[in-house]
C-alpha atoms as a PDB file:
ATOM      1  CA  MET A   1      40.395  54.678   1.171  1.00  0.00           C
ATOM      2  CA  ARG A   2      41.088  51.714   3.486  1.00  0.00           C
ATOM      3  CA  GLU A   3      38.984  53.329   6.225  1.00  0.00           C
ATOM      4  CA  ALA A   4      36.110  53.841   3.778  1.00  0.00           C
ATOM      5  CA  LEU A   5      36.263  50.252   2.494  1.00  0.00           C
ATOM      6  CA  ARG A   6      36.102  48.952   6.069  1.00  0.00           C
ATOM      7  CA  HIS A   7      32.427  49.927   6.174  1.00  0.00           C
ATOM      8  CA  TYR A   8      31.726  47.639   3.208  1.00  0.00           C
ATOM      9  CA  THR A   9      33.599  44.508   4.373  1.00  0.00           C
ATOM     10  CA  PHE A  10      30.514  42.712   5.668  1.00  0.00           C
ATOM     11  CA  SER A  11      28.522  43.639   2.546  1.00  0.00           C
ATOM     12  CA  PHE A  12      31.157  42.094   0.272  1.00  0.00           C
ATOM     13  CA  LEU A  13      31.180  38.933   2.409  1.00  0.00           C
ATOM     14  CA  PHE A  14      27.381  38.835   2.335  1.00  0.00           C
ATOM     15  CA  MET A  15      27.449  39.289  -1.455  1.00  0.00           C
ATOM     16  CA  ALA A  16      29.919  36.412  -1.836  1.00  0.00           C
ATOM     17  CA  ALA A  17      27.664  34.155   0.267  1.00  0.00           C
ATOM     18  CA  CYS A  18      24.558  35.129  -1.746  1.00  0.00           C
ATOM     19  CA  LEU A  19      26.343  34.578  -5.066  1.00  0.00           C
ATOM     20  CA  ALA A  20      27.520  31.169  -3.848  1.00  0.00           C
ATOM     21  CA  LEU A  21      23.916  30.285  -2.935  1.00  0.00           C
ATOM     22  CA  ALA A  22      22.750  31.605  -6.324  1.00  0.00           C
ATOM     23  CA  ALA A  23      25.340  29.431  -8.104  1.00  0.00           C
ATOM     24  CA  TRP A  24      24.241  26.345  -6.164  1.00  0.00           C
ATOM     25  CA  TYR A  25      20.539  27.092  -6.704  1.00  0.00           C
ATOM     26  CA  GLY A  26      21.071  27.837 -10.395  1.00  0.00           C
ATOM     27  CA  PHE A  27      22.886  24.575 -11.015  1.00  0.00           C
ATOM     28  CA  GLU A  28      20.439  22.515  -8.913  1.00  0.00           C
ATOM     29  CA  SER A  29      17.366  23.994 -10.610  1.00  0.00           C
ATOM     30  CA  THR A  30      18.662  23.950 -14.211  1.00  0.00           C
ATOM     31  CA  GLY A  31      21.248  21.162 -14.168  1.00  0.00           C
ATOM     32  CA  SER A  32      23.629  23.119 -16.399  1.00  0.00           C
ATOM     33  CA  LEU A  33      26.495  25.593 -16.093  1.00  0.00           C
ATOM     34  CA  GLY A  34      24.722  27.879 -18.541  1.00  0.00           C
ATOM     35  CA  GLY A  35      21.637  28.005 -16.316  1.00  0.00           C
ATOM     36  CA  MET A  36      23.829  28.653 -13.290  1.00  0.00           C
ATOM     37  CA  ALA A  37      25.566  31.533 -15.095  1.00  0.00           C
ATOM     38  CA  GLN A  38      22.192  33.036 -16.052  1.00  0.00           C
ATOM     39  CA  VAL A  39      20.956  32.944 -12.445  1.00  0.00           C
ATOM     40  CA  LEU A  40      24.210  34.519 -11.232  1.00  0.00           C
ATOM     41  CA  TRP A  41      23.904  37.296 -13.809  1.00  0.00           C
ATOM     42  CA  ILE A  42      20.291  38.104 -12.856  1.00  0.00           C
ATOM     43  CA  VAL A  43      21.174  38.173  -9.138  1.00  0.00           C
ATOM     44  CA  PHE A  44      24.065  40.556  -9.860  1.00  0.00           C
ATOM     45  CA  VAL A  45      21.913  42.871 -12.017  1.00  0.00           C
ATOM     46  CA  LEU A  46      19.161  42.901  -9.369  1.00  0.00           C
ATOM     47  CA  SER A  47      21.690  43.939  -6.729  1.00  0.00           C
ATOM     48  CA  ILE A  48      22.875  46.826  -8.928  1.00  0.00           C
ATOM     49  CA  LEU A  49      19.236  47.835  -9.562  1.00  0.00           C
ATOM     50  CA  GLU A  50      18.529  47.898  -5.832  1.00  0.00           C
ATOM     51  CA  ILE A  51      21.634  49.978  -5.063  1.00  0.00           C
ATOM     52  CA  SER A  52      20.893  52.499  -7.830  1.00  0.00           C
ATOM     53  CA  LEU A  53      17.294  52.902  -6.642  1.00  0.00           C
ATOM     54  CA  SER A  54      18.249  53.188  -2.976  1.00  0.00           C
ATOM     55  CA  PHE A  55      21.263  55.515  -2.739  1.00  0.00           C
ATOM     56  CA  ASP A  56      18.926  58.373  -1.856  1.00  0.00           C
ATOM     57  CA  ASN A  57      17.515  56.069   0.831  1.00  0.00           C
ATOM     58  CA  ALA A  58      21.002  55.760   2.336  1.00  0.00           C
ATOM     59  CA  VAL A  59      21.416  59.555   2.428  1.00  0.00           C
ATOM     60  CA  VAL A  60      18.054  60.087   4.119  1.00  0.00           C
ATOM     61  CA  ASN A  61      18.709  57.220   6.538  1.00  0.00           C
ATOM     62  CA  ALA A  62      21.987  58.890   7.474  1.00  0.00           C
ATOM     63  CA  SER A  63      20.299  62.270   7.999  1.00  0.00           C
ATOM     64  CA  VAL A  64      17.929  60.700  10.554  1.00  0.00           C
ATOM     65  CA  LEU A  65      20.451  58.275  12.022  1.00  0.00           C
ATOM     66  CA  LYS A  66      22.990  60.988  12.885  1.00  0.00           C
ATOM     67  CA  GLU A  67      20.455  62.469  15.339  1.00  0.00           C
ATOM     68  CA  MET A  68      19.982  59.178  17.185  1.00  0.00           C
ATOM     69  CA  ASP A  69      22.162  57.923  19.986  1.00  0.00           C
ATOM     70  CA  GLU A  70      24.667  55.136  19.348  1.00  0.00           C
ATOM     71  CA  VAL A  71      22.490  52.431  20.910  1.00  0.00           C
ATOM     72  CA  TRP A  72      19.578  53.086  18.552  1.00  0.00           C
ATOM     73  CA  GLN A  73      21.933  53.500  15.607  1.00  0.00           C
ATOM     74  CA  LYS A  74      23.213  49.964  16.236  1.00  0.00           C
ATOM     75  CA  ARG A  75      19.683  48.646  16.668  1.00  0.00           C
ATOM     76  CA  PHE A  76      18.602  50.082  13.336  1.00  0.00           C
ATOM     77  CA  LEU A  77      21.703  48.789  11.562  1.00  0.00           C
ATOM     78  CA  THR A  78      21.132  45.265  12.946  1.00  0.00           C
ATOM     79  CA  TRP A  79      17.409  44.731  13.499  1.00  0.00           C
ATOM     80  CA  GLY A  80      16.518  47.205  10.780  1.00  0.00           C
ATOM     81  CA  ILE A  81      18.574  45.446   8.128  1.00  0.00           C
ATOM     82  CA  ALA A  82      17.030  42.112   9.135  1.00  0.00           C
ATOM     83  CA  PHE A  83      13.604  43.646   8.553  1.00  0.00           C
ATOM     84  CA  ALA A  84      14.724  45.206   5.261  1.00  0.00           C
ATOM     85  CA  VAL A  85      16.360  42.053   3.894  1.00  0.00           C
ATOM     86  CA  PHE A  86      14.102  39.281   5.172  1.00  0.00           C
ATOM     87  CA  GLY A  87      10.883  41.183   5.831  1.00  0.00           C
ATOM     88  CA  MET A  88      10.529  43.292   2.702  1.00  0.00           C
ATOM     89  CA  ARG A  89      12.439  41.199   0.147  1.00  0.00           C
ATOM     90  CA  ILE A  90      11.016  37.801   1.137  1.00  0.00           C
ATOM     91  CA  VAL A  91       8.015  38.018   3.492  1.00  0.00           C
ATOM     92  CA  PHE A  92       6.364  41.065   1.876  1.00  0.00           C
ATOM     93  CA  PRO A  93       5.829  39.556  -1.626  1.00  0.00           C
ATOM     94  CA  LEU A  94       4.646  36.289  -0.042  1.00  0.00           C
ATOM     95  CA  ALA A  95       2.200  38.208   2.159  1.00  0.00           C
ATOM     96  CA  ILE A  96       0.781  40.007  -0.897  1.00  0.00           C
ATOM     97  CA  VAL A  97       0.208  36.673  -2.652  1.00  0.00           C
ATOM     98  CA  ALA A  98      -1.314  35.070   0.445  1.00  0.00           C
ATOM     99  CA  ILE A  99      -3.750  37.962   0.984  1.00  0.00           C
ATOM    100  CA  ALA A 100      -4.629  38.511  -2.684  1.00  0.00           C
ATOM    101  CA  ALA A 101      -5.133  34.801  -3.436  1.00  0.00           C
ATOM    102  CA  GLY A 102      -6.717  33.959  -0.067  1.00  0.00           C
ATOM    103  CA  ILE A 103      -4.212  31.204   0.670  1.00  0.00           C
ATOM    104  CA  GLY A 104      -1.932  30.356   3.597  1.00  0.00           C
ATOM    105  CA  PRO A 105       1.717  31.407   3.947  1.00  0.00           C
ATOM    106  CA  MET A 106       3.093  27.938   3.115  1.00  0.00           C
ATOM    107  CA  GLN A 107       0.843  27.715   0.050  1.00  0.00           C
ATOM    108  CA  ALA A 108       2.207  31.095  -1.052  1.00  0.00           C
ATOM    109  CA  VAL A 109       5.756  29.752  -0.696  1.00  0.00           C
ATOM    110  CA  ARG A 110       4.898  26.665  -2.746  1.00  0.00           C
ATOM    111  CA  LEU A 111       3.205  28.831  -5.386  1.00  0.00           C
ATOM    112  CA  SER A 112       6.303  31.023  -5.678  1.00  0.00           C
ATOM    113  CA  LEU A 113       8.502  27.958  -6.250  1.00  0.00           C
ATOM    114  CA  ASP A 114       6.149  25.754  -8.306  1.00  0.00           C
ATOM    115  CA  ASP A 115       4.284  28.365 -10.378  1.00  0.00           C
ATOM    116  CA  PRO A 116       6.403  31.561 -10.521  1.00  0.00           C
ATOM    117  CA  VAL A 117       4.370  32.976 -13.430  1.00  0.00           C
ATOM    118  CA  GLU A 118       1.159  32.958 -11.374  1.00  0.00           C
ATOM    119  CA  TYR A 119       3.097  34.276  -8.364  1.00  0.00           C
ATOM    120  CA  GLU A 120       4.350  37.213 -10.452  1.00  0.00           C
ATOM    121  CA  ARG A 121       0.842  37.870 -11.792  1.00  0.00           C
ATOM    122  CA  ILE A 122      -0.637  38.128  -8.284  1.00  0.00           C
ATOM    123  CA  VAL A 123       2.139  40.393  -6.958  1.00  0.00           C
ATOM    124  CA  SER A 124       1.987  42.638 -10.037  1.00  0.00           C
ATOM    125  CA  GLY A 125      -1.800  42.732  -9.713  1.00  0.00           C
ATOM    126  CA  ALA A 126      -1.398  44.441  -6.335  1.00  0.00           C
ATOM    127  CA  HIS A 127       0.700  47.217  -7.887  1.00  0.00           C
ATOM    128  CA  VAL A 128      -2.002  49.919  -7.756  1.00  0.00           C
ATOM    129  CA  GLY A 129      -2.339  49.652  -3.982  1.00  0.00           C
ATOM    130  CA  ILE A 130       1.412  49.412  -3.451  1.00  0.00           C
ATOM    131  CA  ALA A 131       1.971  52.463  -5.662  1.00  0.00           C
ATOM    132  CA  GLY A 132      -0.605  54.459  -3.716  1.00  0.00           C
ATOM    133  CA  PHE A 133       0.741  53.600  -0.266  1.00  0.00           C
ATOM    134  CA  GLY A 134       4.468  53.752  -1.024  1.00  0.00           C
ATOM    135  CA  GLY A 135       4.210  56.790  -3.291  1.00  0.00           C
ATOM    136  CA  ALA A 136       2.184  58.776  -0.747  1.00  0.00           C
ATOM    137  CA  PHE A 137       4.543  57.972   2.125  1.00  0.00           C
ATOM    138  CA  LEU A 138       7.684  58.819   0.145  1.00  0.00           C
ATOM    139  CA  ALA A 139       6.151  62.001  -1.251  1.00  0.00           C
ATOM    140  CA  MET A 140       5.368  63.154   2.302  1.00  0.00           C
ATOM    141  CA  VAL A 141       8.929  62.391   3.438  1.00  0.00           C
ATOM    142  CA  GLY A 142      10.316  64.595   0.654  1.00  0.00           C
ATOM    143  CA  LEU A 143       7.753  67.384   0.958  1.00  0.00           C
ATOM    144  CA  LYS A 144       8.237  67.640   4.738  1.00  0.00           C
ATOM    145  CA  PHE A 145      11.914  68.441   4.179  1.00  0.00           C
ATOM    146  CA  PHE A 146      11.106  71.422   1.942  1.00  0.00           C
ATOM    147  CA  PHE A 147       7.932  72.642   3.701  1.00  0.00           C
ATOM    148  CA  ASP A 148       9.987  73.558   6.761  1.00  0.00           C
ATOM    149  CA  GLN A 149       9.938  77.040   8.274  1.00  0.00           C
ATOM    150  CA  ASP A 150      13.340  76.489   9.917  1.00  0.00           C
ATOM    151  CA  LYS A 151      15.044  75.491   6.662  1.00  0.00           C
ATOM    152  CA  ASP A 152      17.485  78.268   5.691  1.00  0.00           C
ATOM    153  CA  ILE A 153      19.731  76.551   3.115  1.00  0.00           C
ATOM    154  CA  HIS A 154      18.312  76.275  -0.381  1.00  0.00           C
ATOM    155  CA  TRP A 155      19.774  74.406  -3.329  1.00  0.00           C
ATOM    156  CA  ILE A 156      17.279  74.896  -6.196  1.00  0.00           C
ATOM    157  CA  ARG A 157      16.487  78.359  -4.897  1.00  0.00           C
ATOM    158  CA  TRP A 158      13.669  79.397  -7.231  1.00  0.00           C
ATOM    159  CA  ILE A 159      11.624  76.361  -6.152  1.00  0.00           C
ATOM    160  CA  GLU A 160      12.758  75.815  -2.572  1.00  0.00           C
ATOM    161  CA  GLU A 161      12.277  79.454  -1.565  1.00  0.00           C
ATOM    162  CA  GLN A 162       8.680  79.320  -2.800  1.00  0.00           C
ATOM    163  CA  LEU A 163       8.021  76.091  -0.894  1.00  0.00           C
ATOM    164  CA  HIS A 164       9.581  77.700   2.186  1.00  0.00           C
ATOM    165  CA  LYS A 165       7.061  80.548   1.945  1.00  0.00           C
ATOM    166  CA  PHE A 166       4.161  78.089   1.994  1.00  0.00           C
ATOM    167  CA  ALA A 167       5.648  76.245   4.982  1.00  0.00           C
ATOM    168  CA  ALA A 168       3.836  78.661   7.292  1.00  0.00           C
ATOM    169  CA  LEU A 169       0.519  77.399   5.917  1.00  0.00           C
ATOM    170  CA  PRO A 170      -0.561  74.445   8.121  1.00  0.00           C
ATOM    171  CA  ALA A 171      -0.728  71.096   6.304  1.00  0.00           C
ATOM    172  CA  ALA A 172       0.113  72.630   2.911  1.00  0.00           C
ATOM    173  CA  GLU A 173       2.058  69.531   1.864  1.00  0.00           C
ATOM    174  CA  ILE A 174      -0.849  67.270   2.862  1.00  0.00           C
ATOM    175  CA  ALA A 175      -3.255  69.317   0.730  1.00  0.00           C
ATOM    176  CA  LEU A 176      -0.843  69.099  -2.201  1.00  0.00           C
ATOM    177  CA  LEU A 177      -0.518  65.315  -1.880  1.00  0.00           C
ATOM    178  CA  LEU A 178      -4.302  64.821  -1.606  1.00  0.00           C
ATOM    179  CA  LEU A 179      -4.796  66.819  -4.796  1.00  0.00           C
ATOM    180  CA  VAL A 180      -2.248  64.628  -6.589  1.00  0.00           C
ATOM    181  CA  LEU A 181      -3.934  61.459  -5.292  1.00  0.00           C
ATOM    182  CA  TRP A 182      -7.316  62.700  -6.482  1.00  0.00           C
ATOM    183  CA  GLY A 183      -5.931  63.746  -9.871  1.00  0.00           C
ATOM    184  CA  ILE A 184      -4.333  60.358 -10.572  1.00  0.00           C
ATOM    185  CA  SER A 185      -7.322  58.407  -9.237  1.00  0.00           C
ATOM    186  CA  SER A 186      -9.596  60.275 -11.675  1.00  0.00           C
ATOM    187  CA  LEU A 187      -7.629  58.672 -14.532  1.00  0.00           C
ATOM    188  CA  LEU A 188      -8.090  55.112 -13.230  1.00  0.00           C
ATOM    189  CA  PRO A 189     -10.992  52.665 -13.560  1.00  0.00           C
ATOM    190  CA  ALA A 190     -13.446  52.911 -10.666  1.00  0.00           C
ATOM    191  CA  ALA A 191     -12.205  49.824  -8.782  1.00  0.00           C
ATOM    192  CA  ASP A 192      -8.543  50.771  -9.164  1.00  0.00           C
ATOM    193  CA  ALA A 193      -9.311  54.398  -8.252  1.00  0.00           C
ATOM    194  CA  LEU A 194     -10.822  53.354  -4.915  1.00  0.00           C
ATOM    195  CA  THR A 195      -7.891  51.022  -4.180  1.00  0.00           C
ATOM    196  CA  PHE A 196      -5.401  53.748  -5.076  1.00  0.00           C
ATOM    197  CA  LEU A 197      -7.117  56.426  -2.952  1.00  0.00           C
ATOM    198  CA  VAL A 198      -7.509  54.168   0.095  1.00  0.00           C
ATOM    199  CA  ALA A 199      -3.878  53.026  -0.141  1.00  0.00           C
ATOM    200  CA  GLY A 200      -2.643  56.605  -0.639  1.00  0.00           C
ATOM    201  CA  ILE A 201      -4.616  57.840   2.365  1.00  0.00           C
ATOM    202  CA  LEU A 202      -3.261  54.949   4.457  1.00  0.00           C
ATOM    203  CA  GLY A 203       0.261  55.920   3.377  1.00  0.00           C
ATOM    204  CA  LEU A 204      -0.443  59.497   4.462  1.00  0.00           C
ATOM    205  CA  VAL A 205      -1.945  58.355   7.780  1.00  0.00           C
ATOM    206  CA  THR A 206       1.073  56.095   8.403  1.00  0.00           C
ATOM    207  CA  PHE A 207       3.414  59.037   7.868  1.00  0.00           C
ATOM    208  CA  ILE A 208       1.386  61.244  10.233  1.00  0.00           C
ATOM    209  CA  ALA A 209       1.228  58.460  12.847  1.00  0.00           C
ATOM    210  CA  VAL A 210       4.997  57.878  12.787  1.00  0.00           C
ATOM    211  CA  GLU A 211       5.668  61.623  12.908  1.00  0.00           C
ATOM    212  CA  GLY A 212       3.182  61.986  15.770  1.00  0.00           C
ATOM    213  CA  LEU A 213       4.816  59.182  17.750  1.00  0.00           C
ATOM    214  CA  ASN A 214       8.208  60.755  17.150  1.00  0.00           C
ATOM    215  CA  THR A 215       6.922  64.106  18.467  1.00  0.00           C
ATOM    216  CA  ILE A 216       5.435  62.472  21.581  1.00  0.00           C
ATOM    217  CA  LEU A 217       8.727  60.706  22.299  1.00  0.00           C
ATOM    218  CA  GLU A 218      10.693  63.931  21.795  1.00  0.00           C
ATOM    219  CA  ILE A 219       8.417  65.746  24.262  1.00  0.00           C
ATOM    220  CA  SER A 220       8.922  62.927  26.769  1.00  0.00           C
ATOM    221  CA  GLU A 221      12.680  63.077  26.265  1.00  0.00           C
ATOM    222  CA  GLU A 222      12.688  66.838  26.726  1.00  0.00           C
ATOM    223  CA  LYS A 223      10.935  66.412  30.076  1.00  0.00           C
ATOM    224  CA  LYS A 224      13.585  63.894  31.125  1.00  0.00           C
ATOM    225  CA  ARG A 225      16.285  66.305  30.014  1.00  0.00           C
ATOM    226  CA  VAL A 226      14.799  69.072  32.156  1.00  0.00           C
ATOM    227  CA  ALA A 227      14.778  66.642  35.080  1.00  0.00           C
ATOM    228  CA  GLY A 228      18.484  66.019  34.500  1.00  0.00           C
ATOM    229  CA  ALA A 229      18.412  62.804  32.455  1.00  0.00           C
ATOM    230  CA  ALA A 230      20.147  63.320  29.112  1.00  0.00           C
ATOM    231  CA  VAL A 231      18.718  60.290  27.330  1.00  0.00           C
ATOM    232  CA  ARG A 232      17.461  60.075  23.752  1.00  0.00           C
ATOM    233  CA  SER A 233      15.444  56.920  23.070  1.00  0.00           C
ATOM    234  CA  GLY A 234      15.568  57.020  19.291  1.00  0.00           C
ATOM    235  CA  LEU A 235      12.458  54.801  19.082  1.00  0.00           C
ATOM    236  CA  GLY A 236      10.580  57.308  16.911  1.00  0.00           C
ATOM    237  CA  GLY A 237      13.470  57.568  14.481  1.00  0.00           C
ATOM    238  CA  PHE A 238      13.846  53.778  14.462  1.00  0.00           C
ATOM    239  CA  LEU A 239      10.196  53.270  13.474  1.00  0.00           C
ATOM    240  CA  TYR A 240      10.352  56.090  10.921  1.00  0.00           C
ATOM    241  CA  LEU A 241      13.433  54.612   9.237  1.00  0.00           C
ATOM    242  CA  ASN A 242      11.900  51.140   9.012  1.00  0.00           C
ATOM    243  CA  VAL A 243       8.708  52.431   7.405  1.00  0.00           C
ATOM    244  CA  LEU A 244      10.840  54.540   5.069  1.00  0.00           C
ATOM    245  CA  ASP A 245      12.939  51.505   4.120  1.00  0.00           C
ATOM    246  CA  ALA A 246       9.764  49.524   3.465  1.00  0.00           C
ATOM    247  CA  SER A 247       8.397  52.239   1.177  1.00  0.00           C
ATOM    248  CA  PHE A 248      11.659  52.369  -0.765  1.00  0.00           C
ATOM    249  CA  SER A 249      11.706  48.596  -1.199  1.00  0.00           C
ATOM    250  CA  PHE A 250       8.241  48.490  -2.817  1.00  0.00           C
ATOM    251  CA  ASP A 251       9.644  49.869  -6.057  1.00  0.00           C
ATOM    252  CA  GLY A 252      12.584  47.471  -6.144  1.00  0.00           C
ATOM    253  CA  VAL A 253      10.462  44.387  -5.370  1.00  0.00           C
ATOM    254  CA  ILE A 254       7.925  45.149  -8.094  1.00  0.00           C
ATOM    255  CA  GLY A 255      10.620  46.186 -10.581  1.00  0.00           C
ATOM    256  CA  ALA A 256      12.550  42.966  -9.970  1.00  0.00           C
ATOM    257  CA  PHE A 257       9.870  40.983 -11.797  1.00  0.00           C
ATOM    258  CA  ALA A 258      11.015  42.608 -15.028  1.00  0.00           C
ATOM    259  CA  LEU A 259      14.146  40.428 -14.724  1.00  0.00           C
ATOM    260  CA  SER A 260      12.899  37.309 -12.968  1.00  0.00           C
ATOM    261  CA  ASN A 261       9.747  35.841 -11.422  1.00  0.00           C
ATOM    262  CA  ASN A 262      11.687  33.418  -9.221  1.00  0.00           C
ATOM    263  CA  MET A 263      11.321  34.289  -5.533  1.00  0.00           C
ATOM    264  CA  VAL A 264      14.726  32.870  -4.586  1.00  0.00           C
ATOM    265  CA  VAL A 265      16.588  34.780  -7.303  1.00  0.00           C
ATOM    266  CA  ILE A 266      14.787  38.051  -6.485  1.00  0.00           C
ATOM    267  CA  ALA A 267      15.409  37.679  -2.746  1.00  0.00           C
ATOM    268  CA  LEU A 268      19.135  37.032  -3.224  1.00  0.00           C
ATOM    269  CA  GLY A 269      19.665  39.947  -5.626  1.00  0.00           C
ATOM    270  CA  LEU A 270      17.674  42.526  -3.658  1.00  0.00           C
ATOM    271  CA  SER A 271      19.203  41.415  -0.353  1.00  0.00           C
ATOM    272  CA  ILE A 272      22.710  42.092  -1.662  1.00  0.00           C
ATOM    273  CA  GLY A 273      21.601  45.586  -2.676  1.00  0.00           C
ATOM    274  CA  ALA A 274      19.930  46.205   0.691  1.00  0.00           C
ATOM    275  CA  MET A 275      23.118  45.217   2.527  1.00  0.00           C
ATOM    276  CA  PHE A 276      25.203  47.672   0.508  1.00  0.00           C
ATOM    277  CA  VAL A 277      22.657  50.421   1.255  1.00  0.00           C
ATOM    278  CA  ARG A 278      23.220  49.661   4.951  1.00  0.00           C
ATOM    279  CA  SER A 279      26.988  50.022   4.436  1.00  0.00           C
ATOM    280  CA  MET A 280      26.513  53.318   2.595  1.00  0.00           C
ATOM    281  CA  THR A 281      24.391  54.578   5.475  1.00  0.00           C
ATOM    282  CA  ILE A 282      27.116  53.695   8.005  1.00  0.00           C
ATOM    283  CA  HIS A 283      29.755  55.318   5.796  1.00  0.00           C
ATOM    284  CA  LEU A 284      27.786  58.566   5.502  1.00  0.00           C
ATOM    285  CA  VAL A 285      27.190  58.755   9.268  1.00  0.00           C
ATOM    286  CA  ARG A 286      30.724  57.824  10.382  1.00  0.00           C
ATOM    287  CA  GLN A 287      32.501  60.040   7.838  1.00  0.00           C
ATOM    288  CA  GLY A 288      30.245  63.062   8.439  1.00  0.00           C
ATOM    289  CA  THR A 289      29.583  63.314   4.701  1.00  0.00           C
ATOM    290  CA  LEU A 290      26.268  65.145   5.104  1.00  0.00           C
ATOM    291  CA  ALA A 291      27.956  67.934   7.055  1.00  0.00           C
ATOM    292  CA  ALA A 292      30.754  68.215   4.497  1.00  0.00           C
ATOM    293  CA  TYR A 293      28.413  68.503   1.485  1.00  0.00           C
ATOM    294  CA  ARG A 294      25.674  70.984   2.296  1.00  0.00           C
ATOM    295  CA  TYR A 295      23.370  70.207  -0.664  1.00  0.00           C
ATOM    296  CA  LEU A 296      23.613  66.397  -0.614  1.00  0.00           C
ATOM    297  CA  GLU A 297      20.514  66.024   1.564  1.00  0.00           C
ATOM    298  CA  HIS A 298      18.612  68.351  -0.776  1.00  0.00           C
ATOM    299  CA  GLY A 299      19.455  66.141  -3.745  1.00  0.00           C
ATOM    300  CA  ALA A 300      18.374  63.026  -1.848  1.00  0.00           C
ATOM    301  CA  PHE A 301      15.045  64.516  -0.811  1.00  0.00           C
ATOM    302  CA  TRP A 302      14.378  65.764  -4.343  1.00  0.00           C
ATOM    303  CA  ALA A 303      15.126  62.207  -5.502  1.00  0.00           C
ATOM    304  CA  ILE A 304      12.631  60.901  -2.931  1.00  0.00           C
ATOM    305  CA  ILE A 305       9.951  63.279  -4.204  1.00  0.00           C
ATOM    306  CA  ALA A 306      10.719  62.116  -7.740  1.00  0.00           C
ATOM    307  CA  LEU A 307      10.502  58.457  -6.673  1.00  0.00           C
ATOM    308  CA  GLY A 308       7.241  59.085  -4.789  1.00  0.00           C
ATOM    309  CA  GLY A 309       5.786  60.887  -7.820  1.00  0.00           C
ATOM    310  CA  ILE A 310       6.889  58.101 -10.163  1.00  0.00           C
ATOM    311  CA  MET A 311       5.358  55.459  -7.895  1.00  0.00           C
ATOM    312  CA  LEU A 312       2.059  57.358  -7.801  1.00  0.00           C
ATOM    313  CA  ALA A 313       2.072  57.864 -11.563  1.00  0.00           C
ATOM    314  CA  SER A 314       2.906  54.190 -12.141  1.00  0.00           C
ATOM    315  CA  ALA A 315      -0.624  53.316 -11.029  1.00  0.00           C
ATOM    316  CA  ARG A 316      -1.714  54.723 -14.406  1.00  0.00           C
ATOM    317  CA  TRP A 317       1.373  54.551 -16.625  1.00  0.00           C
ATOM    318  CA  HIS A 318       4.198  52.018 -16.871  1.00  0.00           C
ATOM    319  CA  ILE A 319       7.487  53.733 -16.021  1.00  0.00           C
ATOM    320  CA  PRO A 320      10.704  51.694 -16.441  1.00  0.00           C
ATOM    321  CA  GLU A 321      12.756  51.304 -13.248  1.00  0.00           C
ATOM    322  CA  THR A 322      15.807  52.509 -15.192  1.00  0.00           C
ATOM    323  CA  ILE A 323      14.256  55.988 -15.409  1.00  0.00           C
ATOM    324  CA  THR A 324      13.718  56.035 -11.642  1.00  0.00           C
ATOM    325  CA  GLY A 325      17.331  55.075 -10.971  1.00  0.00           C
ATOM    326  CA  VAL A 326      18.718  57.592 -13.467  1.00  0.00           C
ATOM    327  CA  ILE A 327      16.656  60.488 -12.096  1.00  0.00           C
ATOM    328  CA  GLY A 328      17.765  59.730  -8.531  1.00  0.00           C
ATOM    329  CA  ALA A 329      21.417  59.384  -9.527  1.00  0.00           C
ATOM    330  CA  VAL A 330      21.363  62.632 -11.530  1.00  0.00           C
ATOM    331  CA  LEU A 331      19.772  64.634  -8.698  1.00  0.00           C
ATOM    332  CA  ILE A 332      22.204  63.313  -6.087  1.00  0.00           C
ATOM    333  CA  GLY A 333      25.161  63.731  -8.437  1.00  0.00           C
ATOM    334  CA  LEU A 334      24.227  67.346  -9.185  1.00  0.00           C
ATOM    335  CA  SER A 335      23.727  68.159  -5.494  1.00  0.00           C
ATOM    336  CA  LEU A 336      27.145  66.643  -4.696  1.00  0.00           C
ATOM    337  CA  TRP A 337      28.823  68.638  -7.490  1.00  0.00           C
ATOM    338  CA  TRP A 338      27.070  71.820  -6.310  1.00  0.00           C
ATOM    339  CA  SER A 339      28.294  71.144  -2.763  1.00  0.00           C
ATOM    340  CA  VAL A 340      31.894  70.649  -3.928  1.00  0.00           C
ATOM    341  CA  ARG A 341      31.690  73.889  -5.910  1.00  0.00           C
ATOM    342  CA  PHE A 342      30.344  75.730  -2.864  1.00  0.00           C
ATOM    343  CA  ASN A 343      33.144  74.339  -0.658  1.00  0.00           C
ATOM    344  CA  LYS A 344      35.762  75.553  -3.127  1.00  0.00           C
ATOM    345  CA  ARG A 345      34.248  79.039  -3.231  1.00  0.00           C
ATOM    346  CA  HIS A 346      33.696  79.226   0.546  1.00  0.00           C
ATOM    347  CA  PRO A 347      36.444  77.118   2.154  1.00  0.00           C
ATOM    348  CA  ASP A 348      35.882  78.577   5.605  1.00  0.00           C
ATOM    349  CA  HIS A 349      32.115  78.331   5.581  1.00  0.00           C
ATOM    350  CA  SER A 350      30.512  75.908   7.983  1.00  0.00           C
ATOM    351  CA  SER A 351      28.435  73.452   6.015  1.00  0.00           C
ATOM    352  CA  ALA A 352      27.024  71.835   9.127  1.00  0.00           C
ATOM    353  CA  GLU A 353      24.373  74.559   9.367  1.00  0.00           C
ATOM    354  CA  HIS A 354      20.871  73.531   8.443  1.00  0.00           C
END
């Protein structure tokens, strides 16, 4: 237990610092202890929301991170978290407002502090494009895991075995995603439909570009290996994980406005959650949890597909963030329980096989 908690020490310290800032900001902005308590409560709830929405992100991060060398692992866990916390939770919403309203970055900051209602309206108004891009990218991440000819472990067998059969068909998952994008766009007004389709296609292209870069780097590394240099750069995985983190954060950033339209409060709450996701990722990699529980990855990737589908559908229908969090938690919980049951029935079986 002590060894496990060691991975979360920095996150608890970071949380304490953020809560202290929230208390100071709450009292300064409201002038009352009641206002300070309300800000603290919202920051705490936002952090829980972010963690519940992102546990599957931690599992997938760990599945990619375990294949990278230690140098690139450390780079992702330092530079990557800086991008996740400051880039996506603070800069990203400001960038949306600046672009959508045609104003400068500093004006966007002032708008977020002086007129949070208008700030929320502009960010929420960009939801269709965000849903298209983020949903398409996440859906491709999940589908790629199941449309894999080399995949020989199946959790939900009656579905996964069928997907495995279609894995031999080139670009089957891309065709499936394009059909979904077209289907949802046909239900939207013309202007929103175009925005949604363009954003979805850009999400798909981004996934293909990152995967392509990763393949090129792997080929280069293989050539070095043949020449006697056993070096893995990890750059492809690093870029992939950062884009993946960004896609995951879209949902949390937009959903946060259901609780507050104050940029400072949202940034503090979501940053705490993002830091704990980092700690969970480290814990999963260091403890070898993915190898010990053979279906845990399956649950995480099913949760990603569910999140991607929900994000795409949210362009047409409002779906509460609570549903997203519950679905992800249930899928991961079931896959963990299934893994424990398998380990009890097959104690000598190697679960590291994939």
